[in-house]
Amino acid sequence: MVLSTLYKRVLRLSERLEQKMINFMQQALPTSSDRLICAHVHMGSNPTIHDIAVRFHEDNSSVVWKFLARHSKSDKDRVFLMSDSENVLRMGRSQIFGHRMVASGGSINHINRSGSLGTEERCAGLEKVIFDQHVLMQCDVLLISLKWN
């Protein structure tokens, strides 16, 4: 709760992103009885970023899928998955809850390793991370993988 409040104050959404958030949440949760079930899976090393330690192995992904399946059994439940790996998102869409997944759109860019990207791509990557973090703060249920070894 404290982290959420601090994050919202420090990284306040621009008017454009605030409107995007309103639209996203209205589409994801059209009624007050709908719930947002979320997971943030931080892989570390993956096909687009090689030189850092693996923080979460795909072999362990069954734990995440079981958690999300157990907590999103109703058609009123939507699943939001944030990750630094497109493969994790693809795997999520293939799960039993995949048809209930909602996504914020945009490409996954590693903002701390984006030297080869143009300014617009770097900005879009940072914007996606900030937006997705704000989505995670709206979740009714949230699973976060470890980020450090």
C-alpha atoms as a PDB file:
ATOM      1  CA  MET A   1       0.000   0.000   0.000  1.00  0.00           C
ATOM      2  CA  VAL A   2       2.784   2.424   0.890  1.00  0.00           C
ATOM      3  CA  LEU A   3       4.732   1.548  -2.273  1.00  0.00           C
ATOM      4  CA  SER A   4       1.627   2.078  -4.404  1.00  0.00           C
ATOM      5  CA  THR A   5       0.943   5.503  -2.892  1.00  0.00           C
ATOM      6  CA  LEU A   6       4.571   6.585  -3.249  1.00  0.00           C
ATOM      7  CA  TYR A   7       4.799   5.292  -6.825  1.00  0.00           C
ATOM      8  CA  LYS A   8       1.604   7.104  -7.843  1.00  0.00           C
ATOM      9  CA  ARG A   9       2.949  10.358  -6.419  1.00  0.00           C
ATOM     10  CA  VAL A  10       6.414  10.116  -7.937  1.00  0.00           C
ATOM     11  CA  LEU A  11       5.378   8.682 -11.312  1.00  0.00           C
ATOM     12  CA  ARG A  12       2.063  10.369 -11.865  1.00  0.00           C
ATOM     13  CA  LEU A  13       0.481   9.603 -15.225  1.00  0.00           C
ATOM     14  CA  SER A  14       0.264  12.356 -17.811  1.00  0.00           C
ATOM     15  CA  GLU A  15      -3.231  13.409 -18.883  1.00  0.00           C
ATOM     16  CA  ARG A  16      -2.893  11.270 -22.017  1.00  0.00           C
ATOM     17  CA  LEU A  17      -1.819   8.179 -20.050  1.00  0.00           C
ATOM     18  CA  GLU A  18      -4.465   8.833 -17.407  1.00  0.00           C
ATOM     19  CA  GLN A  19      -7.102   8.767 -20.145  1.00  0.00           C
ATOM     20  CA  LYS A  20      -5.523   5.602 -21.551  1.00  0.00           C
ATOM     21  CA  MET A  21      -5.752   4.064 -18.055  1.00  0.00           C
ATOM     22  CA  ILE A  22      -9.425   4.991 -17.738  1.00  0.00           C
ATOM     23  CA  ASN A  23     -10.158   3.466 -21.145  1.00  0.00           C
ATOM     24  CA  PHE A  24      -8.089   0.363 -20.373  1.00  0.00           C
ATOM     25  CA  MET A  25      -9.808  -0.247 -17.041  1.00  0.00           C
ATOM     26  CA  GLN A  26     -13.291   0.319 -18.499  1.00  0.00           C
ATOM     27  CA  GLN A  27     -12.562  -2.217 -21.222  1.00  0.00           C
ATOM     28  CA  ALA A  28     -10.841  -4.698 -18.902  1.00  0.00           C
ATOM     29  CA  LEU A  29     -13.420  -4.417 -16.123  1.00  0.00           C
ATOM     30  CA  PRO A  30     -16.748  -3.346 -17.631  1.00  0.00           C
ATOM     31  CA  THR A  31     -18.718  -3.970 -14.409  1.00  0.00           C
ATOM     32  CA  SER A  32     -17.978  -3.466 -10.726  1.00  0.00           C
ATOM     33  CA  SER A  33     -18.141  -7.232 -10.165  1.00  0.00           C
ATOM     34  CA  ASP A  34     -15.273  -7.884 -12.609  1.00  0.00           C
ATOM     35  CA  ARG A  35     -11.842  -8.531 -11.101  1.00  0.00           C
ATOM     36  CA  LEU A  36      -8.307  -8.021 -12.361  1.00  0.00           C
ATOM     37  CA  ILE A  37      -5.945 -10.900 -11.552  1.00  0.00           C
ATOM     38  CA  CYS A  38      -2.308 -10.037 -12.264  1.00  0.00           C
ATOM     39  CA  ALA A  39       1.226 -11.341 -12.312  1.00  0.00           C
ATOM     40  CA  HIS A  40       4.544  -9.607 -12.891  1.00  0.00           C
ATOM     41  CA  VAL A  41       7.119 -12.111 -14.110  1.00  0.00           C
ATOM     42  CA  HIS A  42      10.646 -10.709 -14.338  1.00  0.00           C
ATOM     43  CA  MET A  43      12.844 -13.065 -16.361  1.00  0.00           C
ATOM     44  CA  GLY A  44      16.103 -11.140 -16.448  1.00  0.00           C
ATOM     45  CA  SER A  45      18.116 -12.774 -19.217  1.00  0.00           C
ATOM     46  CA  ASN A  46      16.021 -13.624 -22.288  1.00  0.00           C
ATOM     47  CA  PRO A  47      16.326 -13.488 -26.101  1.00  0.00           C
ATOM     48  CA  THR A  48      16.572  -9.688 -26.168  1.00  0.00           C
ATOM     49  CA  ILE A  49      18.773  -9.200 -23.097  1.00  0.00           C
ATOM     50  CA  HIS A  50      21.523 -11.762 -22.607  1.00  0.00           C
ATOM     51  CA  ASP A  51      24.169 -10.497 -20.245  1.00  0.00           C
ATOM     52  CA  ILE A  52      22.358 -10.491 -16.923  1.00  0.00           C
ATOM     53  CA  ALA A  53      21.418 -13.295 -14.575  1.00  0.00           C
ATOM     54  CA  VAL A  54      18.238 -15.256 -15.079  1.00  0.00           C
ATOM     55  CA  ARG A  55      15.897 -14.281 -12.260  1.00  0.00           C
ATOM     56  CA  PHE A  56      13.008 -16.566 -13.106  1.00  0.00           C
ATOM     57  CA  HIS A  57      13.221 -19.764 -15.132  1.00  0.00           C
ATOM     58  CA  GLU A  58      10.509 -20.714 -17.611  1.00  0.00           C
ATOM     59  CA  ASP A  59      10.672 -24.169 -15.997  1.00  0.00           C
ATOM     60  CA  ASN A  60       9.053 -22.546 -12.949  1.00  0.00           C
ATOM     61  CA  SER A  61       6.300 -20.878 -14.954  1.00  0.00           C
ATOM     62  CA  SER A  62       3.819 -23.620 -14.048  1.00  0.00           C
ATOM     63  CA  VAL A  63       3.659 -22.057 -10.568  1.00  0.00           C
ATOM     64  CA  VAL A  64       2.530 -18.757 -12.113  1.00  0.00           C
ATOM     65  CA  TRP A  65       0.010 -20.421 -14.441  1.00  0.00           C
ATOM     66  CA  LYS A  66      -1.473 -22.471 -11.577  1.00  0.00           C
ATOM     67  CA  PHE A  67      -1.745 -19.347  -9.422  1.00  0.00           C
ATOM     68  CA  LEU A  68      -3.475 -17.367 -12.165  1.00  0.00           C
ATOM     69  CA  ALA A  69      -5.783 -20.267 -13.072  1.00  0.00           C
ATOM     70  CA  ARG A  70      -6.732 -20.799  -9.414  1.00  0.00           C
ATOM     71  CA  HIS A  71      -7.543 -17.117  -8.885  1.00  0.00           C
ATOM     72  CA  SER A  72      -9.283 -16.452 -12.212  1.00  0.00           C
ATOM     73  CA  LYS A  73     -11.933 -19.137 -12.493  1.00  0.00           C
ATOM     74  CA  SER A  74     -14.867 -16.852 -13.234  1.00  0.00           C
ATOM     75  CA  ASP A  75     -15.751 -15.226 -16.539  1.00  0.00           C
ATOM     76  CA  LYS A  76     -15.781 -12.004 -14.490  1.00  0.00           C
ATOM     77  CA  ASP A  77     -12.026 -12.339 -13.940  1.00  0.00           C
ATOM     78  CA  ARG A  78      -9.550 -10.764 -16.341  1.00  0.00           C
ATOM     79  CA  VAL A  79      -5.852 -11.615 -16.308  1.00  0.00           C
ATOM     80  CA  PHE A  80      -3.090  -9.037 -16.793  1.00  0.00           C
ATOM     81  CA  LEU A  81       0.475 -10.270 -17.186  1.00  0.00           C
ATOM     82  CA  MET A  82       3.475  -7.940 -17.103  1.00  0.00           C
ATOM     83  CA  SER A  83       6.854  -9.320 -18.109  1.00  0.00           C
ATOM     84  CA  ASP A  84      10.167  -8.412 -19.659  1.00  0.00           C
ATOM     85  CA  SER A  85       9.794 -11.448 -21.937  1.00  0.00           C
ATOM     86  CA  GLU A  86       7.489 -11.699 -24.938  1.00  0.00           C
ATOM     87  CA  ASN A  87       7.756 -15.486 -24.595  1.00  0.00           C
ATOM     88  CA  VAL A  88       6.193 -15.342 -21.115  1.00  0.00           C
ATOM     89  CA  LEU A  89       3.264 -13.332 -22.510  1.00  0.00           C
ATOM     90  CA  ARG A  90       2.875 -15.831 -25.352  1.00  0.00           C
ATOM     91  CA  MET A  91       2.905 -18.729 -22.878  1.00  0.00           C
ATOM     92  CA  GLY A  92       0.274 -16.949 -20.776  1.00  0.00           C
ATOM     93  CA  ARG A  93      -2.041 -16.575 -23.751  1.00  0.00           C
ATOM     94  CA  SER A  94      -1.862 -20.354 -24.293  1.00  0.00           C
ATOM     95  CA  GLN A  95      -3.090 -21.145 -20.763  1.00  0.00           C
ATOM     96  CA  ILE A  96      -6.654 -22.013 -19.724  1.00  0.00           C
ATOM     97  CA  PHE A  97      -7.258 -18.354 -18.764  1.00  0.00           C
ATOM     98  CA  GLY A  98      -5.650 -17.017 -21.975  1.00  0.00           C
ATOM     99  CA  HIS A  99      -8.964 -15.982 -23.521  1.00  0.00           C
ATOM    100  CA  ARG A 100      -9.516 -13.672 -20.530  1.00  0.00           C
ATOM    101  CA  MET A 101      -6.135 -11.926 -20.768  1.00  0.00           C
ATOM    102  CA  VAL A 102      -6.050  -8.179 -21.254  1.00  0.00           C
ATOM    103  CA  ALA A 103      -2.990  -6.333 -22.530  1.00  0.00           C
ATOM    104  CA  SER A 104      -1.884  -2.719 -22.541  1.00  0.00           C
ATOM    105  CA  GLY A 105      -0.185  -3.019 -25.934  1.00  0.00           C
ATOM    106  CA  GLY A 106       3.208  -1.846 -27.012  1.00  0.00           C
ATOM    107  CA  SER A 107       6.581  -3.495 -27.406  1.00  0.00           C
ATOM    108  CA  ILE A 108       8.731  -4.774 -24.581  1.00  0.00           C
ATOM    109  CA  ASN A 109      11.893  -2.670 -24.560  1.00  0.00           C
ATOM    110  CA  HIS A 110      14.535  -3.001 -21.895  1.00  0.00           C
ATOM    111  CA  ILE A 111      14.821   0.638 -20.938  1.00  0.00           C
ATOM    112  CA  ASN A 112      18.102   0.172 -19.096  1.00  0.00           C
ATOM    113  CA  ARG A 113      19.630  -1.516 -22.184  1.00  0.00           C
ATOM    114  CA  SER A 114      18.058   0.468 -25.001  1.00  0.00           C
ATOM    115  CA  GLY A 115      21.102   2.206 -26.483  1.00  0.00           C
ATOM    116  CA  SER A 116      20.467   0.794 -29.959  1.00  0.00           C
ATOM    117  CA  LEU A 117      16.881   2.066 -30.005  1.00  0.00           C
ATOM    118  CA  GLY A 118      15.769   5.459 -31.235  1.00  0.00           C
ATOM    119  CA  THR A 119      14.446   8.106 -28.867  1.00  0.00           C
ATOM    120  CA  GLU A 120      10.800   7.373 -29.705  1.00  0.00           C
ATOM    121  CA  GLU A 121      11.244   3.643 -29.066  1.00  0.00           C
ATOM    122  CA  ARG A 122      13.023   4.282 -25.752  1.00  0.00           C
ATOM    123  CA  CYS A 123      10.297   6.696 -24.653  1.00  0.00           C
ATOM    124  CA  ALA A 124       7.566   4.242 -25.692  1.00  0.00           C
ATOM    125  CA  GLY A 125       9.318   1.486 -23.723  1.00  0.00           C
ATOM    126  CA  LEU A 126       9.545   3.623 -20.585  1.00  0.00           C
ATOM    127  CA  GLU A 127       5.932   4.716 -21.010  1.00  0.00           C
ATOM    128  CA  LYS A 128       4.815   1.072 -21.244  1.00  0.00           C
ATOM    129  CA  VAL A 129       6.680   0.141 -18.056  1.00  0.00           C
ATOM    130  CA  ILE A 130       5.188   3.066 -16.127  1.00  0.00           C
ATOM    131  CA  PHE A 131       1.699   2.380 -17.484  1.00  0.00           C
ATOM    132  CA  ASP A 132       1.892  -1.355 -16.773  1.00  0.00           C
ATOM    133  CA  GLN A 133       3.118  -0.661 -13.227  1.00  0.00           C
ATOM    134  CA  HIS A 134       0.076   1.547 -12.715  1.00  0.00           C
ATOM    135  CA  VAL A 135      -2.147  -1.269 -14.031  1.00  0.00           C
ATOM    136  CA  LEU A 136      -0.579  -3.616 -11.452  1.00  0.00           C
ATOM    137  CA  MET A 137      -1.689  -1.183  -8.737  1.00  0.00           C
ATOM    138  CA  GLN A 138      -5.304  -1.695  -9.855  1.00  0.00           C
ATOM    139  CA  CYS A 139      -5.205  -5.492  -9.443  1.00  0.00           C
ATOM    140  CA  ASP A 140      -7.495  -7.348  -7.083  1.00  0.00           C
ATOM    141  CA  VAL A 141      -4.944 -10.181  -6.848  1.00  0.00           C
ATOM    142  CA  LEU A 142      -1.242  -9.727  -7.656  1.00  0.00           C
ATOM    143  CA  LEU A 143       1.689 -12.145  -7.883  1.00  0.00           C
ATOM    144  CA  ILE A 144       5.172 -10.655  -8.265  1.00  0.00           C
ATOM    145  CA  SER A 145       8.205 -12.804  -9.031  1.00  0.00           C
ATOM    146  CA  LEU A 146      11.502 -12.084  -7.332  1.00  0.00           C
ATOM    147  CA  LYS A 147      13.656  -9.498  -9.085  1.00  0.00           C
ATOM    148  CA  TRP A 148      16.964 -10.247  -7.404  1.00  0.00           C
ATOM    149  CA  ASN A 149      19.016 -13.400  -6.960  1.00  0.00           C
END
